[in-house]
Every structure is written in structure tokens, then in C-alpha cells.
Amino acid sequence: MDPNWDEALEALARFASDRGDAVRAIGLLDRVPGGDRDPMYELLRSFRPVDRPDLGRNDRCWCGSGRKYKVCH
């Protein structure tokens, strides 16, 4: 498979986003010329993980779901 094939990279980015791996999906879209203009790109940027040193694994999640942070995010 040609690693520069744009359609394959876009499909892999969609699979990664479906699995919840926003970082991997953004990395794949960055390899596509004009991938940063894809509508999915901005959406994925909002789902990148953020370091939360003030939040422990057993604390309630910041999103308001009521679940523990380690289970939710």
C-alpha cells in the first residue's frame, strides 16, 4: 500500500476517530495535503486529551457525567 495515498490516509483517520483516538486521527490528516481543512480536523482538535494534574483518577470527571475520571475520560 502506498503510504502517500490520500484516500487511504483519510479513511484511516476516520477509523481512528471512531475508536476515539483523536491524536492518531489528527496525525493521519496532517499527512494529507489540505487535511487541516477537513471538517473533521477541527472537531478532532476539540477532543484531544488535556493533561489534568488537578484531577485524580478516582475523582469525579470534569465533564459532569458523574462517573470517575478514569472510567469516563
PDB file of N, CA and C in Angstrom:
ATOM      1  N   MET A   1       0.849  -1.179   0.000  1.00  0.00           N
ATOM      2  CA  MET A   1       0.000   0.000   0.000  1.00  0.00           C
ATOM      3  C   MET A   1       0.888   1.233   0.000  1.00  0.00           C
ATOM      4  N   ASP A   2       0.573   2.184  -0.821  1.00  0.00           N
ATOM      5  CA  ASP A   2       1.330   3.432  -0.918  1.00  0.00           C
ATOM      6  C   ASP A   2       0.999   4.323   0.270  1.00  0.00           C
ATOM      7  N   PRO A   3       1.996   4.685   1.113  1.00  0.00           N
ATOM      8  CA  PRO A   3       1.703   5.499   2.300  1.00  0.00           C
ATOM      9  C   PRO A   3       1.287   6.925   1.963  1.00  0.00           C
ATOM     10  N   ASN A   4       1.458   7.336   0.736  1.00  0.00           N
ATOM     11  CA  ASN A   4       1.085   8.698   0.345  1.00  0.00           C
ATOM     12  C   ASN A   4      -0.284   8.756  -0.311  1.00  0.00           C
ATOM     13  N   TRP A   5      -1.015   7.673  -0.304  1.00  0.00           N
ATOM     14  CA  TRP A   5      -2.323   7.643  -0.915  1.00  0.00           C
ATOM     15  C   TRP A   5      -3.304   8.355  -0.001  1.00  0.00           C
ATOM     16  N   ASP A   6      -3.755   9.504  -0.423  1.00  0.00           N
ATOM     17  CA  ASP A   6      -4.562  10.388   0.412  1.00  0.00           C
ATOM     18  C   ASP A   6      -5.883   9.764   0.859  1.00  0.00           C
ATOM     19  N   GLU A   7      -6.529   9.033  -0.023  1.00  0.00           N
ATOM     20  CA  GLU A   7      -7.819   8.432   0.332  1.00  0.00           C
ATOM     21  C   GLU A   7      -7.656   7.408   1.449  1.00  0.00           C
ATOM     22  N   ALA A   8      -6.580   6.644   1.416  1.00  0.00           N
ATOM     23  CA  ALA A   8      -6.346   5.651   2.466  1.00  0.00           C
ATOM     24  C   ALA A   8      -6.059   6.334   3.795  1.00  0.00           C
ATOM     25  N   LEU A   9      -5.292   7.413   3.766  1.00  0.00           N
ATOM     26  CA  LEU A   9      -4.987   8.138   4.991  1.00  0.00           C
ATOM     27  C   LEU A   9      -6.242   8.763   5.592  1.00  0.00           C
ATOM     28  N   GLU A  10      -7.107   9.289   4.746  1.00  0.00           N
ATOM     29  CA  GLU A  10      -8.364   9.864   5.244  1.00  0.00           C
ATOM     30  C   GLU A  10      -9.258   8.782   5.850  1.00  0.00           C
ATOM     31  N   ALA A  11      -9.295   7.620   5.223  1.00  0.00           N
ATOM     32  CA  ALA A  11     -10.105   6.516   5.758  1.00  0.00           C
ATOM     33  C   ALA A  11      -9.541   6.041   7.094  1.00  0.00           C
ATOM     34  N   LEU A  12      -8.215   5.936   7.187  1.00  0.00           N
ATOM     35  CA  LEU A  12      -7.595   5.536   8.449  1.00  0.00           C
ATOM     36  C   LEU A  12      -7.852   6.565   9.541  1.00  0.00           C
ATOM     37  N   ALA A  13      -7.872   7.839   9.177  1.00  0.00           N
ATOM     38  CA  ALA A  13      -8.170   8.890  10.152  1.00  0.00           C
ATOM     39  C   ALA A  13      -9.600   8.746  10.665  1.00  0.00           C
ATOM     40  N   ARG A  14     -10.517   8.410   9.795  1.00  0.00           N
ATOM     41  CA  ARG A  14     -11.903   8.208  10.229  1.00  0.00           C
ATOM     42  C   ARG A  14     -12.026   6.987  11.154  1.00  0.00           C
ATOM     43  N   PHE A  15     -11.296   5.910  10.839  1.00  0.00           N
ATOM     44  CA  PHE A  15     -11.311   4.738  11.712  1.00  0.00           C
ATOM     45  C   PHE A  15     -10.737   5.088  13.081  1.00  0.00           C
ATOM     46  N   ALA A  16      -9.640   5.849  13.096  1.00  0.00           N
ATOM     47  CA  ALA A  16      -9.024   6.238  14.370  1.00  0.00           C
ATOM     48  C   ALA A  16      -9.970   7.112  15.179  1.00  0.00           C
ATOM     49  N   SER A  17     -10.684   8.004  14.507  1.00  0.00           N
ATOM     50  CA  SER A  17     -11.613   8.868  15.235  1.00  0.00           C
ATOM     51  C   SER A  17     -12.797   8.067  15.770  1.00  0.00           C
ATOM     52  N   ASP A  18     -13.229   7.057  15.033  1.00  0.00           N
ATOM     53  CA  ASP A  18     -14.312   6.196  15.515  1.00  0.00           C
ATOM     54  C   ASP A  18     -13.896   5.414  16.762  1.00  0.00           C
ATOM     55  N   ARG A  19     -12.611   5.069  16.849  1.00  0.00           N
ATOM     56  CA  ARG A  19     -12.092   4.374  18.023  1.00  0.00           C
ATOM     57  C   ARG A  19     -11.845   5.327  19.181  1.00  0.00           C
ATOM     58  N   GLY A  20     -11.953   6.624  18.937  1.00  0.00           N
ATOM     59  CA  GLY A  20     -11.724   7.604  19.995  1.00  0.00           C
ATOM     60  C   GLY A  20     -10.289   8.068  20.093  1.00  0.00           C
ATOM     61  N   ASP A  21      -9.474   7.776  19.098  1.00  0.00           N
ATOM     62  CA  ASP A  21      -8.065   8.161  19.112  1.00  0.00           C
ATOM     63  C   ASP A  21      -7.887   9.436  18.281  1.00  0.00           C
ATOM     64  N   ALA A  22      -8.193  10.568  18.906  1.00  0.00           N
ATOM     65  CA  ALA A  22      -8.138  11.847  18.197  1.00  0.00           C
ATOM     66  C   ALA A  22      -6.715  12.213  17.803  1.00  0.00           C
ATOM     67  N   VAL A  23      -5.744  11.890  18.640  1.00  0.00           N
ATOM     68  CA  VAL A  23      -4.353  12.242  18.347  1.00  0.00           C
ATOM     69  C   VAL A  23      -3.875  11.521  17.090  1.00  0.00           C
ATOM     70  N   ARG A  24      -4.177  10.234  16.984  1.00  0.00           N
ATOM     71  CA  ARG A  24      -3.788   9.455  15.801  1.00  0.00           C
ATOM     72  C   ARG A  24      -4.506   9.965  14.554  1.00  0.00           C
ATOM     73  N   ALA A  25      -5.784  10.278  14.665  1.00  0.00           N
ATOM     74  CA  ALA A  25      -6.549  10.762  13.517  1.00  0.00           C
ATOM     75  C   ALA A  25      -6.001  12.098  13.025  1.00  0.00           C
ATOM     76  N   ILE A  26      -5.651  12.984  13.947  1.00  0.00           N
ATOM     77  CA  ILE A  26      -5.070  14.276  13.547  1.00  0.00           C
ATOM     78  C   ILE A  26      -3.730  14.058  12.861  1.00  0.00           C
ATOM     79  N   GLY A  27      -2.925  13.144  13.404  1.00  0.00           N
ATOM     80  CA  GLY A  27      -1.633  12.836  12.787  1.00  0.00           C
ATOM     81  C   GLY A  27      -1.776  12.320  11.367  1.00  0.00           C
ATOM     82  N   LEU A  28      -2.782  11.494  11.132  1.00  0.00           N
ATOM     83  CA  LEU A  28      -3.020  10.977   9.782  1.00  0.00           C
ATOM     84  C   LEU A  28      -3.506  12.078   8.846  1.00  0.00           C
ATOM     85  N   LEU A  29      -4.392  12.927   9.334  1.00  0.00           N
ATOM     86  CA  LEU A  29      -4.879  14.022   8.484  1.00  0.00           C
ATOM     87  C   LEU A  29      -3.781  15.038   8.185  1.00  0.00           C
ATOM     88  N   ASP A  30      -2.822  15.179   9.092  1.00  0.00           N
ATOM     89  CA  ASP A  30      -1.701  16.093   8.845  1.00  0.00           C
ATOM     90  C   ASP A  30      -0.832  15.615   7.692  1.00  0.00           C
ATOM     91  N   ARG A  31      -0.860  14.318   7.400  1.00  0.00           N
ATOM     92  CA  ARG A  31      -0.062  13.773   6.298  1.00  0.00           C
ATOM     93  C   ARG A  31      -0.725  13.973   4.938  1.00  0.00           C
ATOM     94  N   VAL A  32      -2.000  14.341   4.944  1.00  0.00           N
ATOM     95  CA  VAL A  32      -2.744  14.562   3.701  1.00  0.00           C
ATOM     96  C   VAL A  32      -2.627  16.041   3.328  1.00  0.00           C
ATOM     97  N   PRO A  33      -2.259  16.357   2.088  1.00  0.00           N
ATOM     98  CA  PRO A  33      -2.242  17.769   1.690  1.00  0.00           C
ATOM     99  C   PRO A  33      -3.641  18.368   1.823  1.00  0.00           C
ATOM    100  N   GLY A  34      -3.752  19.431   2.595  1.00  0.00           N
ATOM    101  CA  GLY A  34      -5.038  20.072   2.817  1.00  0.00           C
ATOM    102  C   GLY A  34      -5.882  19.361   3.856  1.00  0.00           C
ATOM    103  N   GLY A  35      -5.314  18.424   4.575  1.00  0.00           N
ATOM    104  CA  GLY A  35      -6.059  17.677   5.577  1.00  0.00           C
ATOM    105  C   GLY A  35      -6.524  18.541   6.736  1.00  0.00           C
ATOM    106  N   ASP A  36      -5.808  19.643   6.973  1.00  0.00           N
ATOM    107  CA  ASP A  36      -6.209  20.537   8.067  1.00  0.00           C
ATOM    108  C   ASP A  36      -7.454  21.340   7.723  1.00  0.00           C
ATOM    109  N   ARG A  37      -7.883  21.284   6.474  1.00  0.00           N
ATOM    110  CA  ARG A  37      -9.124  21.966   6.071  1.00  0.00           C
ATOM    111  C   ARG A  37     -10.331  21.028   6.099  1.00  0.00           C
ATOM    112  N   ASP A  38     -10.081  19.752   6.421  1.00  0.00           N
ATOM    113  CA  ASP A  38     -11.161  18.769   6.531  1.00  0.00           C
ATOM    114  C   ASP A  38     -12.058  19.163   7.704  1.00  0.00           C
ATOM    115  N   PRO A  39     -13.372  19.098   7.554  1.00  0.00           N
ATOM    116  CA  PRO A  39     -14.273  19.480   8.657  1.00  0.00           C
ATOM    117  C   PRO A  39     -14.056  18.644   9.916  1.00  0.00           C
ATOM    118  N   MET A  40     -13.604  17.416   9.750  1.00  0.00           N
ATOM    119  CA  MET A  40     -13.376  16.555  10.893  1.00  0.00           C
ATOM    120  C   MET A  40     -12.159  17.023  11.713  1.00  0.00           C
ATOM    121  N   TYR A  41     -11.238  17.735  11.085  1.00  0.00           N
ATOM    122  CA  TYR A  41      -9.993  18.152  11.745  1.00  0.00           C
ATOM    123  C   TYR A  41     -10.269  19.046  12.953  1.00  0.00           C
ATOM    124  N   GLU A  42     -11.108  20.049  12.789  1.00  0.00           N
ATOM    125  CA  GLU A  42     -11.419  20.953  13.912  1.00  0.00           C
ATOM    126  C   GLU A  42     -12.174  20.220  15.013  1.00  0.00           C
ATOM    127  N   LEU A  43     -13.047  19.323  14.629  1.00  0.00           N
ATOM    128  CA  LEU A  43     -13.773  18.535  15.619  1.00  0.00           C
ATOM    129  C   LEU A  43     -12.806  17.669  16.431  1.00  0.00           C
ATOM    130  N   LEU A  44     -11.871  17.039  15.761  1.00  0.00           N
ATOM    131  CA  LEU A  44     -10.894  16.203  16.451  1.00  0.00           C
ATOM    132  C   LEU A  44     -10.001  17.020  17.375  1.00  0.00           C
ATOM    133  N   ARG A  45      -9.677  18.234  16.975  1.00  0.00           N
ATOM    134  CA  ARG A  45      -8.839  19.087  17.832  1.00  0.00           C
ATOM    135  C   ARG A  45      -9.528  19.374  19.159  1.00  0.00           C
ATOM    136  N   SER A  46     -10.836  19.451  19.159  1.00  0.00           N
ATOM    137  CA  SER A  46     -11.547  19.710  20.411  1.00  0.00           C
ATOM    138  C   SER A  46     -11.580  18.480  21.315  1.00  0.00           C
ATOM    139  N   PHE A  47     -11.281  17.300  20.776  1.00  0.00           N
ATOM    140  CA  PHE A  47     -11.293  16.072  21.561  1.00  0.00           C
ATOM    141  C   PHE A  47      -9.900  15.568  21.934  1.00  0.00           C
ATOM    142  N   ARG A  48      -8.867  16.366  21.664  1.00  0.00           N
ATOM    143  CA  ARG A  48      -7.523  15.957  22.084  1.00  0.00           C
ATOM    144  C   ARG A  48      -7.461  15.886  23.599  1.00  0.00           C
ATOM    145  N   PRO A  49      -6.749  14.893  24.122  1.00  0.00           N
ATOM    146  CA  PRO A  49      -6.649  14.793  25.580  1.00  0.00           C
ATOM    147  C   PRO A  49      -5.868  15.969  26.157  1.00  0.00           C
ATOM    148  N   VAL A  50      -6.300  16.409  27.327  1.00  0.00           N
ATOM    149  CA  VAL A  50      -5.659  17.523  28.013  1.00  0.00           C
ATOM    150  C   VAL A  50      -5.151  17.008  29.350  1.00  0.00           C
ATOM    151  N   ASP A  51      -3.910  17.355  29.672  1.00  0.00           N
ATOM    152  CA  ASP A  51      -3.352  16.952  30.955  1.00  0.00           C
ATOM    153  C   ASP A  51      -4.090  17.653  32.080  1.00  0.00           C
ATOM    154  N   ARG A  52      -4.564  16.913  33.055  1.00  0.00           N
ATOM    155  CA  ARG A  52      -5.305  17.476  34.189  1.00  0.00           C
ATOM    156  C   ARG A  52      -4.609  17.084  35.488  1.00  0.00           C
ATOM    157  N   PRO A  53      -3.539  17.789  35.869  1.00  0.00           N
ATOM    158  CA  PRO A  53      -2.827  17.421  37.095  1.00  0.00           C
ATOM    159  C   PRO A  53      -3.658  17.652  38.357  1.00  0.00           C
ATOM    160  N   ASP A  54      -4.675  18.488  38.284  1.00  0.00           N
ATOM    161  CA  ASP A  54      -5.514  18.771  39.443  1.00  0.00           C
ATOM    162  C   ASP A  54      -6.586  17.706  39.663  1.00  0.00           C
ATOM    163  N   LEU A  55      -6.647  16.721  38.766  1.00  0.00           N
ATOM    164  CA  LEU A  55      -7.701  15.725  38.805  1.00  0.00           C
ATOM    165  C   LEU A  55      -7.090  14.341  38.990  1.00  0.00           C
ATOM    166  N   GLY A  56      -7.502  13.640  40.035  1.00  0.00           N
ATOM    167  CA  GLY A  56      -7.025  12.287  40.272  1.00  0.00           C
ATOM    168  C   GLY A  56      -7.882  11.267  39.546  1.00  0.00           C
ATOM    169  N   ARG A  57      -7.380  10.071  39.434  1.00  0.00           N
ATOM    170  CA  ARG A  57      -8.106   9.017  38.715  1.00  0.00           C
ATOM    171  C   ARG A  57      -9.461   8.712  39.345  1.00  0.00           C
ATOM    172  N   ASN A  58      -9.557   8.793  40.651  1.00  0.00           N
ATOM    173  CA  ASN A  58     -10.798   8.429  41.335  1.00  0.00           C
ATOM    174  C   ASN A  58     -11.714   9.615  41.610  1.00  0.00           C
ATOM    175  N   ASP A  59     -11.321  10.815  41.172  1.00  0.00           N
ATOM    176  CA  ASP A  59     -12.186  11.986  41.316  1.00  0.00           C
ATOM    177  C   ASP A  59     -13.305  11.922  40.285  1.00  0.00           C
ATOM    178  N   ARG A  60     -14.365  12.671  40.540  1.00  0.00           N
ATOM    179  CA  ARG A  60     -15.458  12.750  39.565  1.00  0.00           C
ATOM    180  C   ARG A  60     -14.955  13.469  38.316  1.00  0.00           C
ATOM    181  N   CYS A  61     -15.440  13.043  37.167  1.00  0.00           N
ATOM    182  CA  CYS A  61     -14.975  13.593  35.899  1.00  0.00           C
ATOM    183  C   CYS A  61     -15.378  15.060  35.756  1.00  0.00           C
ATOM    184  N   TRP A  62     -14.545  15.811  35.073  1.00  0.00           N
ATOM    185  CA  TRP A  62     -14.762  17.239  34.866  1.00  0.00           C
ATOM    186  C   TRP A  62     -15.926  17.509  33.915  1.00  0.00           C
ATOM    187  N   CYS A  63     -16.332  16.518  33.127  1.00  0.00           N
ATOM    188  CA  CYS A  63     -17.373  16.756  32.117  1.00  0.00           C
ATOM    189  C   CYS A  63     -18.778  16.781  32.708  1.00  0.00           C
ATOM    190  N   GLY A  64     -18.912  16.370  33.989  1.00  0.00           N
ATOM    191  CA  GLY A  64     -20.223  16.410  34.622  1.00  0.00           C
ATOM    192  C   GLY A  64     -21.028  15.136  34.485  1.00  0.00           C
ATOM    193  N   SER A  65     -20.406  14.070  33.996  1.00  0.00           N
ATOM    194  CA  SER A  65     -21.139  12.820  33.814  1.00  0.00           C
ATOM    195  C   SER A  65     -21.455  12.124  35.139  1.00  0.00           C
ATOM    196  N   GLY A  66     -20.683  12.455  36.186  1.00  0.00           N
ATOM    197  CA  GLY A  66     -20.870  11.818  37.476  1.00  0.00           C
ATOM    198  C   GLY A  66     -20.036  10.561  37.653  1.00  0.00           C
ATOM    199  N   ARG A  67     -19.381  10.112  36.584  1.00  0.00           N
ATOM    200  CA  ARG A  67     -18.534   8.927  36.682  1.00  0.00           C
ATOM    201  C   ARG A  67     -17.123   9.306  37.108  1.00  0.00           C
ATOM    202  N   LYS A  68     -16.346   8.310  37.502  1.00  0.00           N
ATOM    203  CA  LYS A  68     -14.965   8.568  37.860  1.00  0.00           C
ATOM    204  C   LYS A  68     -14.180   8.957  36.618  1.00  0.00           C
ATOM    205  N   TYR A  69     -13.178   9.796  36.802  1.00  0.00           N
ATOM    206  CA  TYR A  69     -12.357  10.276  35.685  1.00  0.00           C
ATOM    207  C   TYR A  69     -11.706   9.126  34.931  1.00  0.00           C
ATOM    208  N   LYS A  70     -11.203   8.108  35.637  1.00  0.00           N
ATOM    209  CA  LYS A  70     -10.517   7.002  34.984  1.00  0.00           C
ATOM    210  C   LYS A  70     -11.438   6.176  34.088  1.00  0.00           C
ATOM    211  N   VAL A  71     -12.735   6.214  34.378  1.00  0.00           N
ATOM    212  CA  VAL A  71     -13.684   5.456  33.566  1.00  0.00           C
ATOM    213  C   VAL A  71     -14.220   6.302  32.413  1.00  0.00           C
ATOM    214  N   CYS A  72     -14.402   7.587  32.665  1.00  0.00           N
ATOM    215  CA  CYS A  72     -15.050   8.462  31.685  1.00  0.00           C
ATOM    216  C   CYS A  72     -14.082   8.969  30.614  1.00  0.00           C
ATOM    217  N   HIS A  73     -13.048   9.664  31.034  1.00  0.00           N
ATOM    218  CA  HIS A  73     -12.100  10.230  30.088  1.00  0.00           C
ATOM    219  C   HIS A  73     -10.727   9.682  30.347  1.00  0.00           C
TER     220      HIS A  73
END
